[in-house]
Structure formats: C-alpha cells, structure tokens
C-alpha cells in the first residue's frame, strides 16, 4: 500500500462515515492513518470524532461524534 493510500482512506472516512457507523479497513501504518484522520478533521474545522481499534488484521473505525 502506498503512503498516499492511507491519506485517501482517511479522507474517505471523513467524507462518508455517518454518526455511529463503522467500517473495517486495512492499513500499513496505523500511526500515519490516525495522523491523517486528525489533520483532515482539524483542517475542515469539523466536530467529528472517531475511534479506531485493531480487530484481527483489520482496523475498525467508528464515528462517535
């Protein structure tokens, strides 16, 4: 997976995930994905909050606010 793909995944999460909705994705660098997700939310001045948790080989992402 290319570095840009993690950014694209984070962007997709912000644009499509509704409140209390969850999704499972594969990421190479959890640290980078979380960084990108935080940066996108901050730049857009959104009040969205997300939680992430490893579930096997996938990452569970839930929008909590």
C-alpha atoms as a PDB file:
ATOM      1  CA  UNK A   1       0.000   0.000   0.000  1.00  0.00           C
ATOM      2  CA  UNK A   2       1.379   3.402  -0.935  1.00  0.00           C
ATOM      3  CA  UNK A   3       1.673   6.218   1.565  1.00  0.00           C
ATOM      4  CA  UNK A   4      -0.950   8.253  -0.300  1.00  0.00           C
ATOM      5  CA  UNK A   5      -3.490   5.483   0.059  1.00  0.00           C
ATOM      6  CA  UNK A   6      -3.643   5.963   3.836  1.00  0.00           C
ATOM      7  CA  UNK A   7      -4.433   9.645   3.285  1.00  0.00           C
ATOM      8  CA  UNK A   8      -7.124   8.708   0.760  1.00  0.00           C
ATOM      9  CA  UNK A   9      -8.624   6.204   3.218  1.00  0.00           C
ATOM     10  CA  UNK A  10      -8.756   8.877   5.926  1.00  0.00           C
ATOM     11  CA  UNK A  11     -10.361  11.333   3.501  1.00  0.00           C
ATOM     12  CA  UNK A  12     -12.950   8.720   2.506  1.00  0.00           C
ATOM     13  CA  UNK A  13     -13.763   8.015   6.167  1.00  0.00           C
ATOM     14  CA  UNK A  14     -14.342  11.721   6.890  1.00  0.00           C
ATOM     15  CA  UNK A  15     -16.497  12.211   3.803  1.00  0.00           C
ATOM     16  CA  UNK A  16     -18.680   9.107   4.030  1.00  0.00           C
ATOM     17  CA  UNK A  17     -18.905   7.708   7.571  1.00  0.00           C
ATOM     18  CA  UNK A  18     -22.112   8.740   9.336  1.00  0.00           C
ATOM     19  CA  UNK A  19     -22.611   9.032  13.095  1.00  0.00           C
ATOM     20  CA  UNK A  20     -22.404   5.622  14.866  1.00  0.00           C
ATOM     21  CA  UNK A  21     -21.475   3.939  11.588  1.00  0.00           C
ATOM     22  CA  UNK A  22     -18.451   1.659  11.491  1.00  0.00           C
ATOM     23  CA  UNK A  23     -16.161   0.313   8.831  1.00  0.00           C
ATOM     24  CA  UNK A  24     -13.223  -2.075   8.634  1.00  0.00           C
ATOM     25  CA  UNK A  25     -10.112  -1.188   6.637  1.00  0.00           C
ATOM     26  CA  UNK A  26      -6.563  -2.423   6.139  1.00  0.00           C
ATOM     27  CA  UNK A  27      -3.718  -0.004   6.876  1.00  0.00           C
ATOM     28  CA  UNK A  28       0.040  -0.389   6.732  1.00  0.00           C
ATOM     29  CA  UNK A  29       0.845   2.332   9.259  1.00  0.00           C
ATOM     30  CA  UNK A  30      -1.736   2.885  11.962  1.00  0.00           C
ATOM     31  CA  UNK A  31       0.203   5.904  13.180  1.00  0.00           C
ATOM     32  CA  UNK A  32       0.076   7.614   9.770  1.00  0.00           C
ATOM     33  CA  UNK A  33      -3.614   6.814   9.253  1.00  0.00           C
ATOM     34  CA  UNK A  34      -4.549   8.316  12.626  1.00  0.00           C
ATOM     35  CA  UNK A  35      -2.390  11.372  11.908  1.00  0.00           C
ATOM     36  CA  UNK A  36      -4.073  11.939   8.543  1.00  0.00           C
ATOM     37  CA  UNK A  37      -7.535  11.452  10.035  1.00  0.00           C
ATOM     38  CA  UNK A  38      -6.840  14.038  12.751  1.00  0.00           C
ATOM     39  CA  UNK A  39      -5.341  16.505  10.282  1.00  0.00           C
ATOM     40  CA  UNK A  40      -8.293  16.309   7.904  1.00  0.00           C
ATOM     41  CA  UNK A  41     -10.823  16.854  10.700  1.00  0.00           C
ATOM     42  CA  UNK A  42      -8.823  19.817  12.063  1.00  0.00           C
ATOM     43  CA  UNK A  43      -8.300  21.462   8.651  1.00  0.00           C
ATOM     44  CA  UNK A  44     -12.003  21.248   7.844  1.00  0.00           C
ATOM     45  CA  UNK A  45     -12.898  22.507  11.332  1.00  0.00           C
ATOM     46  CA  UNK A  46     -15.289  19.600  11.864  1.00  0.00           C
ATOM     47  CA  UNK A  47     -16.559  18.384  15.223  1.00  0.00           C
ATOM     48  CA  UNK A  48     -16.375  14.750  14.137  1.00  0.00           C
ATOM     49  CA  UNK A  49     -14.608  12.284  16.414  1.00  0.00           C
ATOM     50  CA  UNK A  50     -13.518   8.785  15.507  1.00  0.00           C
ATOM     51  CA  UNK A  51     -12.306   5.789  17.420  1.00  0.00           C
ATOM     52  CA  UNK A  52     -10.074   3.075  15.989  1.00  0.00           C
ATOM     53  CA  UNK A  53      -9.369  -0.446  17.185  1.00  0.00           C
ATOM     54  CA  UNK A  54      -7.438  -3.375  15.759  1.00  0.00           C
ATOM     55  CA  UNK A  55      -9.683  -6.353  15.099  1.00  0.00           C
ATOM     56  CA  UNK A  56      -7.570  -9.165  13.727  1.00  0.00           C
ATOM     57  CA  UNK A  57      -5.833  -7.970  10.570  1.00  0.00           C
ATOM     58  CA  UNK A  58      -8.279  -5.102  10.003  1.00  0.00           C
ATOM     59  CA  UNK A  59      -8.774  -1.747  11.664  1.00  0.00           C
ATOM     60  CA  UNK A  60     -12.251  -0.915  12.933  1.00  0.00           C
ATOM     61  CA  UNK A  61     -13.141   2.777  12.556  1.00  0.00           C
ATOM     62  CA  UNK A  62     -16.275   4.179  14.217  1.00  0.00           C
ATOM     63  CA  UNK A  63     -17.558   7.749  14.086  1.00  0.00           C
ATOM     64  CA  UNK A  64     -18.580   8.578  17.648  1.00  0.00           C
ATOM     65  CA  UNK A  65     -19.462  12.250  17.278  1.00  0.00           C
END
